[in-house]
Amino acid sequence: MWSSHYRIVIIVVAVVVILLAVSAVLILPSMMPHKTSSTSTISSISNTTSSTTTTFMAPGSYQLSFEFENINRSYLLYIPSSYDGNKPMPLVLALHGYGESLNTFMTQYGGSTFIAKSDKEGFIVVFPEGVDLGWNGPFCCGTAHKNNINDVGFIRKLINRLQQQLRVDSSRIYLAGFSNGAIMAYRLAAELSDKIAAIAAVEGAIGGGENQSAPLSTIAEPSQPVSVIIFHGTGDSVVPYEGGLSTDPQSNGMVFLSVTDSVAFWVKADGCSKEPQTEKSIDGNLIKDVYSGGAKNTDVVLYTLVGWIHAWPKQPLTNVFHLGGINATDIIWDFFQSHPKQS
């Protein structure tokens, strides 16, 4: 009789043990913390500075675009090999001339020299593209001016986007432009003086008119000082050094303010000395005028290239005019480096 009771007890205990084991198998996994998988790519690594988050982009060239005021705006972005997303880098925006594709600007008008300089010196460079290959300066050019395209707003948004996507040194944002791009650089320096530290204008003007009977237009007064370096050839027939009527057939009778007008405007706006310090090359074909002492350490510098035409000064073309192999891009970067924006 006792053996029967023992057998029953043993069976009951065994059933309970089995039930407890099954419950553990079913319940315990749901009580354990779940391990989530995480993946990251080079484009999703972020660096956080204060309240700003920037997405790391690998060094290299990027052909990018975004829509601005119902127009798809394109630009070429070049990030130098030394960029690692940890240290803020200067940003240079290079603006092409009227009628120039980015390829033409890169191969013939100094664009490629900025890429080589970017890798050597460590700065980000971007090449925005104008609407129908033109920029809306205060008085020209092409479709952009005719339709009053908001290029100032586009460039501001582009700078803001790059500051979000990359580690940009906000005190070292610069502009360089050739021809219509130089005209636009003048305008941007005036209207984005809160962002731009310095500009370089090659064969441009601060103002002019569509023809001899049209009223002259010029850039606005900047709210903050901006350092300016200017390169202009006395043999330029497109944007004449002395101002006045352009003799280039493609200019369609446009008139321009003179280089003297451009210099005087920025000397006054920046509060620089009215009398420059002047240097000349031995043969007299290169004249450098420096107007120093401007507000917040700004300067205005003019390089007059005697006999030089409507082109970007760079080797070896400059040797034809005995300018001693001057390379505008090298001089521009040296100028930019020494002129960060002062708070």
Protein backbone atom coordinates (compact mmCIF):
# COMPACT_ATOMS: atom_id res chain seq x y z
CA MET A 1 0.00 0.00 0.00
CA TRP A 2 2.77 2.47 0.91
CA SER A 3 4.61 1.57 -2.27
CA SER A 4 1.57 2.58 -4.30
CA HIS A 5 1.42 5.93 -2.50
CA TYR A 6 5.13 6.48 -3.10
CA ARG A 7 4.69 5.76 -6.78
CA ILE A 8 1.88 8.30 -7.00
CA VAL A 9 3.94 10.95 -5.21
CA ILE A 10 6.92 10.33 -7.45
CA ILE A 11 4.75 10.61 -10.56
CA VAL A 12 3.21 13.89 -9.35
CA VAL A 13 6.64 15.36 -8.54
CA ALA A 14 7.94 14.31 -11.92
CA VAL A 15 4.99 15.98 -13.69
CA VAL A 16 5.54 19.20 -11.72
CA VAL A 17 9.26 19.22 -12.61
CA ILE A 18 8.45 18.68 -16.27
CA LEU A 19 5.88 21.50 -16.23
CA LEU A 20 8.34 23.86 -14.55
CA ALA A 21 11.02 23.03 -17.13
CA VAL A 22 8.61 23.65 -20.02
CA SER A 23 7.55 26.96 -18.48
CA ALA A 24 11.17 28.04 -18.16
CA VAL A 25 11.82 27.29 -21.80
CA LEU A 26 8.78 29.26 -22.94
CA ILE A 27 8.91 32.18 -20.54
CA LEU A 28 12.59 32.98 -19.84
CA PRO A 29 13.53 34.03 -23.41
CA SER A 30 10.81 36.68 -23.36
CA MET A 31 12.26 38.03 -20.12
CA MET A 32 15.80 38.33 -21.49
CA PRO A 33 16.92 41.66 -23.02
CA HIS A 34 16.92 41.62 -26.82
CA LYS A 35 20.21 42.29 -28.65
CA THR A 36 19.68 44.58 -31.62
CA SER A 37 21.90 44.59 -34.66
CA SER A 38 23.41 47.88 -35.77
CA THR A 39 25.00 48.76 -39.08
CA SER A 40 26.81 51.92 -40.07
CA THR A 41 28.23 53.22 -43.30
CA ILE A 42 30.65 56.03 -43.90
CA SER A 43 27.78 58.34 -44.83
CA SER A 44 25.92 57.81 -41.55
CA ILE A 45 28.68 58.51 -39.04
CA SER A 46 27.97 61.80 -37.29
CA ASN A 47 30.05 64.37 -35.48
CA THR A 48 28.27 66.61 -33.01
CA THR A 49 29.47 70.08 -32.12
CA SER A 50 27.23 72.04 -29.73
CA SER A 51 23.75 71.71 -31.22
CA THR A 52 24.94 71.04 -34.77
CA THR A 53 25.15 67.54 -36.24
CA THR A 54 27.17 67.00 -39.41
CA THR A 55 27.21 63.86 -41.52
CA PHE A 56 30.61 62.57 -42.49
CA MET A 57 31.29 62.49 -46.23
CA ALA A 58 34.32 60.71 -47.58
CA PRO A 59 36.97 62.64 -49.52
CA GLY A 60 36.36 62.81 -53.25
CA SER A 61 34.21 64.48 -55.91
CA TYR A 62 30.42 64.64 -55.74
CA GLN A 63 28.05 65.87 -58.45
CA LEU A 64 25.06 67.05 -56.41
CA SER A 65 21.88 69.08 -56.75
CA PHE A 66 18.84 70.27 -54.84
CA GLU A 67 15.67 72.12 -55.70
CA PHE A 68 15.58 75.80 -54.86
CA GLU A 69 12.57 77.95 -55.73
CA ASN A 70 11.32 75.32 -58.20
CA ILE A 71 14.65 75.10 -60.03
CA ASN A 72 17.05 72.18 -59.81
CA ARG A 73 20.41 73.71 -58.86
CA SER A 74 23.57 71.70 -59.46
CA TYR A 75 27.06 71.90 -58.03
CA LEU A 76 30.31 69.98 -57.96
CA LEU A 77 31.70 69.36 -54.49
CA TYR A 78 35.31 68.39 -53.88
CA ILE A 79 36.46 67.16 -50.46
CA PRO A 80 40.24 66.89 -50.07
CA SER A 81 41.99 63.70 -49.08
CA SER A 82 42.95 65.14 -45.68
CA TYR A 83 39.33 65.61 -44.58
CA ASP A 84 38.35 63.30 -41.72
CA GLY A 85 35.31 65.06 -40.29
CA ASN A 86 37.04 65.91 -37.02
CA LYS A 87 38.64 69.27 -37.75
CA PRO A 88 36.67 72.12 -39.38
CA MET A 89 37.98 73.08 -42.82
CA PRO A 90 37.76 76.31 -44.82
CA LEU A 91 35.22 76.40 -47.64
CA VAL A 92 35.87 78.01 -51.04
CA LEU A 93 33.09 78.57 -53.58
CA ALA A 94 34.37 79.07 -57.15
CA LEU A 95 32.00 80.71 -59.65
CA HIS A 96 32.30 80.23 -63.41
CA GLY A 97 31.91 82.95 -66.03
CA TYR A 98 28.95 83.52 -68.35
CA GLY A 99 28.41 80.82 -70.96
CA GLU A 100 30.91 78.48 -69.31
CA SER A 101 30.04 74.94 -68.41
CA LEU A 102 31.68 73.55 -65.31
CA ASN A 103 33.94 71.52 -67.59
CA THR A 104 35.06 74.66 -69.44
CA PHE A 105 35.64 76.51 -66.19
CA MET A 106 37.65 73.59 -64.83
CA THR A 107 39.85 73.16 -67.88
CA GLN A 108 40.30 76.71 -69.14
CA TYR A 109 39.51 79.23 -66.42
CA GLY A 110 41.20 78.14 -63.24
CA GLY A 111 38.69 75.69 -61.77
CA SER A 112 41.04 72.71 -61.75
CA THR A 113 43.73 74.74 -59.99
CA PHE A 114 41.44 75.01 -56.95
CA ILE A 115 41.14 71.21 -56.73
CA ALA A 116 44.91 70.78 -56.75
CA LYS A 117 45.23 73.56 -54.18
CA SER A 118 42.48 71.99 -52.06
CA ASP A 119 44.40 68.74 -51.71
CA LYS A 120 47.65 70.53 -50.99
CA GLU A 121 46.35 73.05 -48.45
CA GLY A 122 43.32 71.29 -46.97
CA PHE A 123 40.11 73.13 -47.81
CA ILE A 124 36.74 72.13 -49.25
CA VAL A 125 35.89 73.58 -52.66
CA VAL A 126 32.51 73.71 -54.38
CA PHE A 127 31.66 74.76 -57.92
CA PRO A 128 28.02 75.92 -58.19
CA GLU A 129 26.40 76.14 -61.61
CA GLY A 130 24.42 79.17 -62.74
CA VAL A 131 21.06 78.96 -64.52
CA ASP A 132 21.70 78.60 -68.26
CA LEU A 133 25.40 79.07 -67.45
CA GLY A 134 24.96 82.58 -66.06
CA TRP A 135 24.68 84.45 -62.76
CA ASN A 136 22.28 87.20 -61.74
CA GLY A 137 24.68 90.02 -60.95
CA PRO A 138 23.27 93.50 -60.38
CA PHE A 139 23.17 94.17 -64.14
CA CYS A 140 23.92 90.88 -65.97
CA CYS A 141 23.99 88.15 -67.26
CA GLY A 142 21.73 86.12 -69.55
CA THR A 143 18.66 84.20 -68.43
CA ALA A 144 19.64 84.47 -64.77
CA HIS A 145 19.52 88.27 -64.89
CA LYS A 146 16.57 88.47 -67.28
CA ASN A 147 14.42 86.24 -65.06
CA ASN A 148 15.81 87.71 -61.84
CA ILE A 149 16.93 84.31 -60.58
CA ASN A 150 17.56 84.35 -56.83
CA ASP A 151 21.22 83.37 -56.96
CA VAL A 152 21.95 85.08 -53.65
CA GLY A 153 19.37 82.87 -51.95
CA PHE A 154 20.71 79.79 -53.73
CA ILE A 155 24.28 80.41 -52.58
CA ARG A 156 23.15 81.11 -49.02
CA LYS A 157 21.21 77.84 -48.94
CA LEU A 158 24.14 75.98 -50.49
CA ILE A 159 26.49 77.28 -47.80
CA ASN A 160 23.99 76.33 -45.09
CA ARG A 161 23.64 72.81 -46.52
CA LEU A 162 27.39 72.32 -46.66
CA GLN A 163 27.70 73.51 -43.08
CA GLN A 164 25.17 70.84 -42.08
CA GLN A 165 26.82 68.08 -44.10
CA LEU A 166 30.47 68.87 -43.45
CA ARG A 167 32.73 70.31 -40.76
CA VAL A 168 33.09 73.80 -42.21
CA ASP A 169 35.04 76.55 -40.46
CA SER A 170 32.40 79.29 -40.37
CA SER A 171 35.06 81.99 -40.07
CA ARG A 172 36.73 80.85 -43.29
CA ILE A 173 34.09 80.86 -46.02
CA TYR A 174 35.42 82.38 -49.24
CA LEU A 175 34.32 83.15 -52.80
CA ALA A 176 36.32 83.31 -56.02
CA GLY A 177 34.81 84.20 -59.38
CA PHE A 178 35.78 84.82 -62.97
CA SER A 179 34.04 87.33 -65.28
CA ASN A 180 30.27 87.00 -64.62
CA GLY A 181 31.31 84.83 -61.67
CA ALA A 182 33.42 87.73 -60.37
CA ILE A 183 30.46 90.09 -60.79
CA MET A 184 28.40 87.61 -58.76
CA ALA A 185 31.16 87.31 -56.16
CA TYR A 186 31.03 91.09 -55.66
CA ARG A 187 27.27 90.91 -55.18
CA LEU A 188 27.47 87.96 -52.78
CA ALA A 189 30.16 89.69 -50.72
CA ALA A 190 27.79 92.63 -50.31
CA GLU A 191 24.60 90.68 -49.60
CA LEU A 192 26.10 87.75 -47.69
CA SER A 193 28.67 89.75 -45.76
CA ASP A 194 27.47 88.01 -42.59
CA LYS A 195 28.91 84.75 -43.95
CA ILE A 196 31.71 85.62 -46.38
CA ALA A 197 35.18 86.37 -45.01
CA ALA A 198 36.88 87.32 -48.29
CA ILE A 199 36.42 87.18 -52.06
CA ALA A 200 38.59 87.09 -55.15
CA ALA A 201 37.32 88.80 -58.31
CA VAL A 202 39.07 88.04 -61.60
CA GLU A 203 38.09 90.24 -64.56
CA GLY A 204 34.80 91.47 -63.06
CA ALA A 205 33.04 94.69 -62.05
CA ILE A 206 30.77 95.89 -59.24
CA GLY A 207 28.27 97.41 -61.64
CA GLY A 208 27.29 98.46 -65.13
CA GLY A 209 24.40 98.57 -67.56
CA GLU A 210 22.83 96.46 -70.28
CA ASN A 211 23.66 99.13 -72.85
CA GLN A 212 24.82 102.74 -73.06
CA SER A 213 21.33 104.16 -72.60
CA ALA A 214 20.37 101.90 -69.70
CA PRO A 215 20.75 103.09 -66.11
CA LEU A 216 23.81 101.87 -64.26
CA SER A 217 23.31 99.35 -61.48
CA THR A 218 25.75 98.46 -58.76
CA ILE A 219 26.01 96.17 -55.76
CA ALA A 220 24.48 97.02 -52.41
CA GLU A 221 26.39 98.27 -49.38
CA PRO A 222 27.59 95.36 -47.22
CA SER A 223 26.51 95.21 -43.59
CA GLN A 224 29.90 93.83 -42.53
CA PRO A 225 33.45 94.28 -43.87
CA VAL A 226 34.75 91.74 -46.37
CA SER A 227 38.34 91.46 -47.61
CA VAL A 228 38.70 91.66 -51.39
CA ILE A 229 41.46 90.74 -53.83
CA ILE A 230 41.10 91.78 -57.46
CA PHE A 231 42.91 90.66 -60.63
CA HIS A 232 42.33 92.61 -63.83
CA GLY A 233 44.16 92.93 -67.13
CA THR A 234 44.48 96.23 -68.92
CA GLY A 235 43.97 94.41 -72.22
CA ASP A 236 40.56 93.00 -71.25
CA SER A 237 38.10 93.86 -74.03
CA VAL A 238 35.13 92.10 -72.41
CA VAL A 239 35.17 93.93 -69.06
CA PRO A 240 37.36 96.97 -69.78
CA TYR A 241 39.85 97.95 -67.08
CA GLU A 242 38.90 101.63 -67.46
CA GLY A 243 35.21 100.82 -67.63
CA GLY A 244 32.75 101.88 -70.29
CA LEU A 245 31.56 100.07 -73.40
CA SER A 246 32.64 96.49 -73.90
CA THR A 247 34.12 95.92 -77.35
CA ASP A 248 33.58 92.18 -77.23
CA PRO A 249 30.84 91.19 -79.75
CA GLN A 250 29.26 88.70 -77.34
CA SER A 251 28.71 91.43 -74.74
CA ASN A 252 25.99 93.01 -76.92
CA GLY A 253 26.91 96.61 -76.08
CA MET A 254 27.11 96.25 -72.30
CA VAL A 255 28.87 98.89 -70.24
CA PHE A 256 30.86 98.36 -67.05
CA LEU A 257 32.08 100.39 -64.14
CA SER A 258 35.87 100.60 -63.95
CA VAL A 259 38.34 98.70 -61.79
CA THR A 260 38.96 101.98 -59.98
CA ASP A 261 35.25 102.09 -59.12
CA SER A 262 35.38 98.54 -57.73
CA VAL A 263 38.44 99.28 -55.62
CA ALA A 264 37.03 102.57 -54.32
CA PHE A 265 33.76 100.90 -53.34
CA TRP A 266 35.42 98.25 -51.20
CA VAL A 267 38.07 100.54 -49.73
CA LYS A 268 35.25 102.76 -48.47
CA ALA A 269 33.03 99.87 -47.35
CA ASP A 270 35.86 98.26 -45.37
CA GLY A 271 37.32 101.51 -44.05
CA CYS A 272 40.77 100.86 -45.53
CA SER A 273 43.49 103.43 -46.10
CA LYS A 274 42.79 105.61 -49.11
CA GLU A 275 46.39 105.54 -50.31
CA PRO A 276 47.79 102.12 -51.25
CA GLN A 277 51.18 100.59 -50.77
CA THR A 278 52.35 99.85 -54.30
CA GLU A 279 54.78 97.28 -55.66
CA LYS A 280 55.79 96.81 -59.29
CA SER A 281 57.57 94.05 -61.17
CA ILE A 282 60.89 94.95 -62.75
CA ASP A 283 59.38 95.13 -66.21
CA GLY A 284 56.37 97.10 -64.93
CA ASN A 285 53.81 94.59 -66.21
CA LEU A 286 52.58 93.60 -62.77
CA ILE A 287 51.38 96.22 -60.29
CA LYS A 288 50.17 95.36 -56.80
CA ASP A 289 48.23 97.93 -54.75
CA VAL A 290 47.42 97.12 -51.11
CA TYR A 291 44.81 99.14 -49.22
CA SER A 292 45.22 98.02 -45.63
CA GLY A 293 43.89 98.85 -42.18
CA GLY A 294 40.24 98.07 -42.79
CA ALA A 295 37.68 97.23 -40.13
CA LYS A 296 38.16 93.82 -38.50
CA ASN A 297 41.55 93.40 -40.23
CA THR A 298 40.17 93.58 -43.76
CA ASP A 299 42.26 94.59 -46.76
CA VAL A 300 41.62 95.40 -50.40
CA VAL A 301 44.32 94.28 -52.86
CA LEU A 302 44.48 95.00 -56.59
CA TYR A 303 46.71 93.19 -59.06
CA THR A 304 46.88 95.14 -62.32
CA LEU A 305 48.14 92.93 -65.14
CA VAL A 306 49.45 95.16 -67.91
CA GLY A 307 48.45 93.79 -71.31
CA TRP A 308 46.58 90.84 -69.83
CA ILE A 309 43.33 89.76 -71.46
CA HIS A 310 40.00 88.34 -70.26
CA ALA A 311 41.41 85.13 -68.79
CA TRP A 312 42.43 83.51 -65.51
CA PRO A 313 46.08 84.36 -64.74
CA LYS A 314 47.95 81.07 -64.45
CA GLN A 315 51.05 79.41 -65.80
CA PRO A 316 52.14 79.00 -68.51
CA LEU A 317 49.89 81.51 -70.30
CA THR A 318 51.10 84.41 -68.17
CA ASN A 319 54.64 83.99 -69.44
CA VAL A 320 53.48 85.30 -72.81
CA PHE A 321 52.89 88.64 -71.12
CA HIS A 322 56.08 88.49 -69.04
CA LEU A 323 54.22 88.46 -65.75
CA GLY A 324 56.77 86.24 -64.09
CA GLY A 325 54.56 83.15 -64.09
CA ILE A 326 51.99 84.60 -61.68
CA ASN A 327 49.42 82.06 -60.55
CA ALA A 328 46.23 83.74 -59.37
CA THR A 329 44.99 80.68 -57.48
CA ASP A 330 48.12 80.51 -55.33
CA ILE A 331 47.90 84.22 -54.52
CA ILE A 332 44.17 83.99 -53.82
CA TRP A 333 44.59 81.14 -51.35
CA ASP A 334 47.40 82.97 -49.53
CA PHE A 335 45.10 85.99 -49.29
CA PHE A 336 42.19 83.88 -48.04
CA GLN A 337 44.35 82.17 -45.42
CA SER A 338 45.40 85.49 -43.95
CA HIS A 339 41.87 86.94 -43.91
CA PRO A 340 39.48 84.91 -41.73
CA LYS A 341 36.28 86.58 -40.64
CA GLN A 342 36.72 88.50 -37.41
CA SER A 343 33.90 88.49 -34.88
